[in-house]
Amino acid sequence: MSSPRPGAGLDRLSGVIRRTPLVLLAAAVALTGCSTFTDNDVVAEVGDEQLTDADVQSILSARLDDTSEVPYDVANAVVSNWIIDQVLRFDLAAAGTPIDDTMTDGDMTEEGQQASFDAAFAAWTSAEPRPITNDQVGSAYGQGATESGMVCVAHILVDDEETADEVIEQFTDGDSTFTALAAEYSNDPGSAANGGVLPCSSLSAFVNTYVPEFAEAVIDTQPGDVVGPVETQFGYHVIWIRPFADLTENDIATLTSDGLVRFSFAAEEAGVTVDPRFGEFSVASGLIPVG
């Protein structure tokens, strides 16, 4: 089992921001499904800022002859990138370090939006992060991995399903602590001596770090849940979703230093709404496409 590398969440956020219309429009001819626009309807809002249908059409006008019907994936990318840009700007302003970029303000062209993304991302990644309190983390973490976008787990790796069932029974019956069971049973040399604990991370980092079977078993869980046996190429896993009370100050610091976790708190505070034509916004996952 591998651990998330430092800054992985921030790199992924950068990747989302830089997944601009310029890149996706090149493949527009291969996409199916269209979004139909009507002038001046609000597509998305972040705080007091609005993106309208007319704005999206303006951004795409240099690329598409007819912007009244736009390939869905292309429109979704424009909306998603605008939301991210505005959330970063909101966070910077809330920290007392707003961006002063009058050259791109109100420039609803593809080039203007690219410049706006670049300015926001550069400023946000170099700024001192706004403090996130333990109470804020605990309140969000308690909603589960999918809603909070945060994951802290411990696991025990064994050779067979029967042993995994035995471990689950001992733990759920209260016969032994997870730490003791990990020391006794786990075959994972990287975590057995540490109570089976794996590094806390954003949900996105977790899913992109661990094998699919392991990651998928955690997605819809709540703190305190025991999941397993989960079979992977390594053997059978018993996974414990650590309650917030089990987290250390270092665990919490790891979470709040993750770029995607920081972004999710900023998005929650800013308030993001999206026209259902373009999907649903989640502070943990960003803009989730329709269907």
Protein backbone atom coordinates (compact mmCIF):
# COMPACT_ATOMS: atom_id res chain seq x y z
CA MET A 1 0.00 0.00 0.00
CA SER A 2 1.37 3.42 -0.91
CA SER A 3 0.89 6.78 0.77
CA PRO A 4 -0.23 10.07 -0.85
CA ARG A 5 2.76 12.22 -1.69
CA PRO A 6 2.93 15.75 -0.23
CA GLY A 7 1.02 18.32 -2.25
CA ALA A 8 -0.84 15.70 -4.30
CA GLY A 9 -4.22 17.30 -3.63
CA LEU A 10 -2.95 20.70 -4.68
CA ASP A 11 -1.55 19.25 -7.90
CA ARG A 12 -4.94 17.74 -8.69
CA LEU A 13 -6.68 21.06 -8.07
CA SER A 14 -4.21 22.68 -10.45
CA GLY A 15 -5.06 20.01 -13.00
CA VAL A 16 -8.77 20.77 -12.71
CA ILE A 17 -8.23 24.50 -13.11
CA ARG A 18 -5.98 24.03 -16.11
CA ARG A 19 -8.45 21.70 -17.81
CA THR A 20 -9.68 24.72 -19.74
CA PRO A 21 -12.14 25.12 -22.62
CA LEU A 22 -9.14 25.42 -24.94
CA VAL A 23 -8.22 21.80 -24.29
CA LEU A 24 -11.71 20.35 -24.37
CA LEU A 25 -12.95 22.26 -27.36
CA ALA A 26 -10.46 20.48 -29.58
CA ALA A 27 -12.41 17.29 -28.95
CA ALA A 28 -15.85 18.84 -29.17
CA VAL A 29 -16.73 17.15 -32.44
CA ALA A 30 -16.51 13.77 -30.75
CA LEU A 31 -18.87 14.67 -27.90
CA THR A 32 -22.56 13.93 -27.77
CA GLY A 33 -25.34 15.75 -25.93
CA CYS A 34 -25.91 19.48 -26.05
CA SER A 35 -26.86 22.27 -23.69
CA THR A 36 -29.33 24.75 -25.15
CA PHE A 37 -28.90 28.36 -24.05
CA THR A 38 -31.38 31.15 -23.53
CA ASP A 39 -29.95 34.65 -23.16
CA ASN A 40 -29.32 36.08 -19.69
CA ASP A 41 -30.33 33.02 -17.68
CA VAL A 42 -28.03 32.44 -14.70
CA VAL A 43 -25.91 29.31 -15.12
CA ALA A 44 -23.97 29.46 -11.83
CA GLU A 45 -23.45 31.66 -8.79
CA VAL A 46 -20.54 31.88 -6.36
CA GLY A 47 -21.33 34.30 -3.57
CA ASP A 48 -22.44 37.50 -5.29
CA GLU A 49 -20.86 36.61 -8.64
CA GLN A 50 -22.94 35.22 -11.51
CA LEU A 51 -22.17 33.37 -14.73
CA THR A 52 -24.92 33.73 -17.31
CA ASP A 53 -25.81 31.86 -20.47
CA ALA A 54 -24.62 34.91 -22.40
CA ASP A 55 -21.25 34.72 -20.64
CA VAL A 56 -20.77 31.07 -21.59
CA GLN A 57 -21.69 31.80 -25.19
CA SER A 58 -19.23 34.72 -25.22
CA ILE A 59 -16.42 32.50 -23.91
CA LEU A 60 -17.11 29.92 -26.61
CA SER A 61 -17.88 32.28 -29.49
CA ALA A 62 -14.37 32.22 -30.95
CA ARG A 63 -14.45 28.41 -31.13
CA LEU A 64 -18.01 27.58 -32.14
CA ASP A 65 -19.98 29.01 -35.04
CA ASP A 66 -23.27 28.31 -33.26
CA THR A 67 -23.25 28.81 -29.49
CA SER A 68 -27.00 28.35 -29.03
CA GLU A 69 -26.38 24.61 -28.63
CA VAL A 70 -23.04 23.62 -27.12
CA PRO A 71 -21.65 20.12 -26.56
CA TYR A 72 -22.41 19.28 -22.94
CA ASP A 73 -18.86 18.43 -21.88
CA VAL A 74 -17.59 21.72 -23.31
CA ALA A 75 -20.20 23.81 -21.52
CA ASN A 76 -19.61 21.85 -18.31
CA ALA A 77 -15.88 22.60 -18.47
CA VAL A 78 -16.51 26.33 -18.85
CA VAL A 79 -18.89 26.35 -15.87
CA SER A 80 -16.60 24.19 -13.72
CA ASN A 81 -13.54 26.32 -14.36
CA TRP A 82 -15.44 29.53 -13.69
CA ILE A 83 -16.68 28.18 -10.36
CA ILE A 84 -13.19 27.16 -9.28
CA ASP A 85 -11.80 30.54 -10.30
CA GLN A 86 -14.46 32.39 -8.31
CA VAL A 87 -14.08 30.21 -5.21
CA LEU A 88 -10.33 30.84 -5.16
CA ARG A 89 -10.96 34.57 -5.52
CA PHE A 90 -13.53 34.47 -2.72
CA ASP A 91 -11.04 32.71 -0.44
CA LEU A 92 -8.32 35.23 -1.21
CA ALA A 93 -10.66 38.17 -0.58
CA ALA A 94 -11.83 36.63 2.70
CA ALA A 95 -8.19 36.35 3.75
CA GLY A 96 -7.68 40.05 3.03
CA THR A 97 -5.58 39.48 -0.10
CA PRO A 98 -7.93 40.03 -3.05
CA ILE A 99 -6.60 39.80 -6.59
CA ASP A 100 -6.20 43.12 -8.40
CA ASP A 101 -6.36 42.14 -12.07
CA THR A 102 -8.37 44.83 -13.78
CA MET A 103 -6.98 43.74 -17.14
CA THR A 104 -9.00 40.49 -17.07
CA ASP A 105 -11.95 41.61 -14.94
CA GLY A 106 -15.11 41.14 -16.99
CA ASP A 107 -13.25 39.70 -19.97
CA MET A 108 -15.58 36.87 -20.97
CA THR A 109 -13.42 35.52 -23.76
CA GLU A 110 -11.56 32.24 -23.71
CA GLU A 111 -8.24 34.05 -23.39
CA GLY A 112 -9.56 36.30 -20.66
CA GLN A 113 -10.87 33.36 -18.66
CA GLN A 114 -7.55 31.53 -19.04
CA ALA A 115 -5.70 34.58 -17.72
CA SER A 116 -8.17 34.83 -14.86
CA PHE A 117 -7.66 31.15 -13.93
CA ASP A 118 -3.90 31.54 -14.00
CA ALA A 119 -3.98 34.67 -11.83
CA ALA A 120 -6.30 33.13 -9.25
CA PHE A 121 -4.40 29.88 -9.01
CA ALA A 122 -0.99 31.55 -8.75
CA ALA A 123 -2.20 33.91 -6.04
CA TRP A 124 -4.02 31.21 -4.07
CA THR A 125 -1.15 28.73 -4.05
CA SER A 126 1.32 31.36 -2.89
CA ALA A 127 -0.95 32.91 -0.25
CA GLU A 128 -0.92 31.96 3.41
CA PRO A 129 -3.84 29.52 3.87
CA ARG A 130 -6.75 30.76 5.92
CA PRO A 131 -7.02 28.95 9.27
CA ILE A 132 -9.51 26.09 9.48
CA THR A 133 -10.46 25.26 13.05
CA ASN A 134 -10.68 21.78 14.55
CA ASP A 135 -14.40 22.37 15.10
CA GLN A 136 -14.87 23.11 11.41
CA VAL A 137 -12.96 20.00 10.40
CA GLY A 138 -14.84 17.85 12.91
CA SER A 139 -18.24 19.09 11.78
CA ALA A 140 -17.46 18.41 8.11
CA TYR A 141 -15.63 15.13 8.75
CA GLY A 142 -18.63 13.78 10.63
CA GLN A 143 -20.71 13.93 7.43
CA GLY A 144 -18.70 11.09 5.88
CA ALA A 145 -16.17 10.83 3.10
CA THR A 146 -18.47 11.65 0.18
CA GLU A 147 -19.87 14.82 1.74
CA SER A 148 -16.73 16.08 3.46
CA GLY A 149 -14.13 15.01 0.92
CA MET A 150 -11.87 13.88 3.78
CA VAL A 151 -10.67 10.36 4.57
CA CYS A 152 -8.79 8.96 7.57
CA VAL A 153 -8.65 5.17 7.80
CA ALA A 154 -6.76 2.34 9.41
CA HIS A 155 -6.60 -1.13 7.92
CA ILE A 156 -5.51 -4.65 8.71
CA LEU A 157 -4.24 -6.84 5.87
CA VAL A 158 -4.51 -10.62 6.19
CA ASP A 159 -4.14 -13.61 3.88
CA ASP A 160 -7.65 -15.06 3.95
CA GLU A 161 -11.28 -14.11 4.41
CA GLU A 162 -11.73 -16.27 7.52
CA THR A 163 -9.01 -14.37 9.38
CA ALA A 164 -10.49 -11.05 8.26
CA ASP A 165 -13.89 -12.10 9.65
CA GLU A 166 -12.22 -13.06 12.93
CA VAL A 167 -10.56 -9.63 13.16
CA ILE A 168 -13.87 -7.88 12.49
CA GLU A 169 -15.63 -9.93 15.15
CA GLN A 170 -12.99 -9.21 17.80
CA PHE A 171 -13.04 -5.49 17.06
CA THR A 172 -16.81 -5.02 16.83
CA ASP A 173 -17.37 -7.11 19.97
CA GLY A 174 -14.94 -4.89 21.84
CA ASP A 175 -12.56 -7.75 22.62
CA SER A 176 -9.55 -5.81 21.33
CA THR A 177 -8.53 -2.42 19.99
CA PHE A 178 -7.81 -1.88 16.31
CA THR A 179 -4.24 -0.97 17.20
CA ALA A 180 -3.69 -4.25 19.01
CA LEU A 181 -5.33 -6.26 16.25
CA ALA A 182 -3.17 -4.56 13.62
CA ALA A 183 -0.04 -5.43 15.56
CA GLU A 184 -1.15 -9.03 15.92
CA TYR A 185 -2.63 -9.79 12.51
CA SER A 186 -1.66 -7.28 9.83
CA ASN A 187 0.72 -8.24 7.04
CA ASP A 188 1.19 -4.63 5.91
CA PRO A 189 4.73 -3.73 7.01
CA GLY A 190 4.09 -0.05 6.43
CA SER A 191 1.19 0.31 8.87
CA ALA A 192 0.96 -2.71 11.18
CA ALA A 193 3.23 -1.19 13.82
CA ASN A 194 1.26 2.07 13.64
CA GLY A 195 -2.14 0.61 14.44
CA GLY A 196 -2.88 0.11 10.76
CA VAL A 197 -3.21 3.87 10.30
CA LEU A 198 -2.82 5.27 6.79
CA PRO A 199 -2.22 8.98 6.09
CA CYS A 200 -5.29 11.19 6.14
CA SER A 201 -6.07 12.84 2.81
CA SER A 202 -8.72 14.34 0.61
CA LEU A 203 -11.11 11.81 -0.90
CA SER A 204 -9.73 12.60 -4.36
CA ALA A 205 -6.17 11.87 -3.25
CA PHE A 206 -7.31 8.67 -1.56
CA VAL A 207 -9.13 7.38 -4.64
CA ASN A 208 -6.14 8.19 -6.84
CA THR A 209 -3.62 6.59 -4.48
CA TYR A 210 -5.00 3.20 -3.50
CA VAL A 211 -6.17 0.23 -5.57
CA PRO A 212 -9.79 0.58 -6.78
CA GLU A 213 -11.32 -2.12 -4.58
CA PHE A 214 -9.82 -0.58 -1.46
CA ALA A 215 -10.72 3.00 -2.37
CA GLU A 216 -14.27 2.20 -3.49
CA ALA A 217 -15.01 0.41 -0.22
CA VAL A 218 -14.45 3.67 1.66
CA ILE A 219 -16.35 6.16 -0.51
CA ASP A 220 -19.83 5.85 1.02
CA THR A 221 -18.77 5.28 4.62
CA GLN A 222 -19.23 7.20 7.84
CA PRO A 223 -16.68 7.71 10.64
CA GLY A 224 -16.62 4.67 12.91
CA ASP A 225 -17.68 2.22 10.20
CA VAL A 226 -15.85 -1.08 9.81
CA VAL A 227 -15.67 -2.31 6.22
CA GLY A 228 -14.61 -5.73 5.02
CA PRO A 229 -13.40 -8.15 4.22
CA VAL A 230 -12.27 -6.26 1.12
CA GLU A 231 -10.30 -8.40 -1.32
CA THR A 232 -7.50 -6.80 -3.34
CA GLN A 233 -4.37 -8.06 -5.06
CA PHE A 234 -2.62 -7.79 -1.68
CA GLY A 235 -5.02 -9.99 0.29
CA TYR A 236 -8.04 -9.26 2.50
CA HIS A 237 -8.45 -5.92 4.24
CA VAL A 238 -10.42 -4.90 7.30
CA ILE A 239 -10.87 -1.13 7.07
CA TRP A 240 -11.82 1.11 9.96
CA ILE A 241 -13.04 4.62 9.18
CA ARG A 242 -11.45 6.46 12.06
CA PRO A 243 -13.80 8.61 14.16
CA PHE A 244 -12.84 12.25 14.47
CA ALA A 245 -12.01 11.70 18.15
CA ASP A 246 -9.29 9.26 17.06
CA LEU A 247 -7.52 11.83 14.89
CA THR A 248 -4.37 13.51 16.13
CA GLU A 249 -3.37 17.13 15.66
CA ASN A 250 -0.98 15.94 12.94
CA ASP A 251 -3.86 14.16 11.17
CA ILE A 252 -5.94 17.34 11.23
CA ALA A 253 -3.01 19.42 10.03
CA THR A 254 -2.51 16.97 7.15
CA LEU A 255 -6.13 17.42 6.12
CA THR A 256 -6.17 21.21 6.34
CA SER A 257 -2.95 21.51 4.34
CA ASP A 258 -4.43 19.52 1.44
CA GLY A 259 -5.36 21.87 -1.42
CA LEU A 260 -8.62 20.10 -2.21
CA VAL A 261 -9.73 20.15 1.41
CA ARG A 262 -8.92 23.85 1.61
CA PHE A 263 -10.92 24.40 -1.57
CA SER A 264 -13.93 22.50 -0.21
CA PHE A 265 -14.09 24.69 2.90
CA ALA A 266 -13.80 27.83 0.78
CA ALA A 267 -16.55 26.63 -1.57
CA GLU A 268 -18.84 25.85 1.36
CA GLU A 269 -18.35 29.31 2.81
CA ALA A 270 -18.72 31.08 -0.54
CA GLY A 271 -21.91 29.28 -1.46
CA VAL A 272 -22.14 27.74 -4.92
CA THR A 273 -25.31 27.14 -6.91
CA VAL A 274 -25.56 25.65 -10.40
CA ASP A 275 -28.34 25.39 -12.95
CA PRO A 276 -29.29 21.66 -12.96
CA ARG A 277 -28.72 21.56 -16.73
CA PHE A 278 -25.00 21.60 -15.98
CA GLY A 279 -24.92 19.18 -13.12
CA GLU A 280 -24.71 19.37 -9.34
CA PHE A 281 -21.98 21.06 -7.34
CA SER A 282 -20.40 19.25 -4.42
CA VAL A 283 -17.82 20.96 -2.22
CA ALA A 284 -15.97 17.63 -2.06
CA SER A 285 -16.13 16.68 -5.75
CA GLY A 286 -16.69 19.89 -7.68
CA LEU A 287 -19.17 20.03 -10.57
CA ILE A 288 -20.71 16.59 -11.06
CA PRO A 289 -22.06 16.18 -14.62
CA VAL A 290 -25.67 15.24 -15.30
CA GLY A 291 -26.14 11.48 -15.57
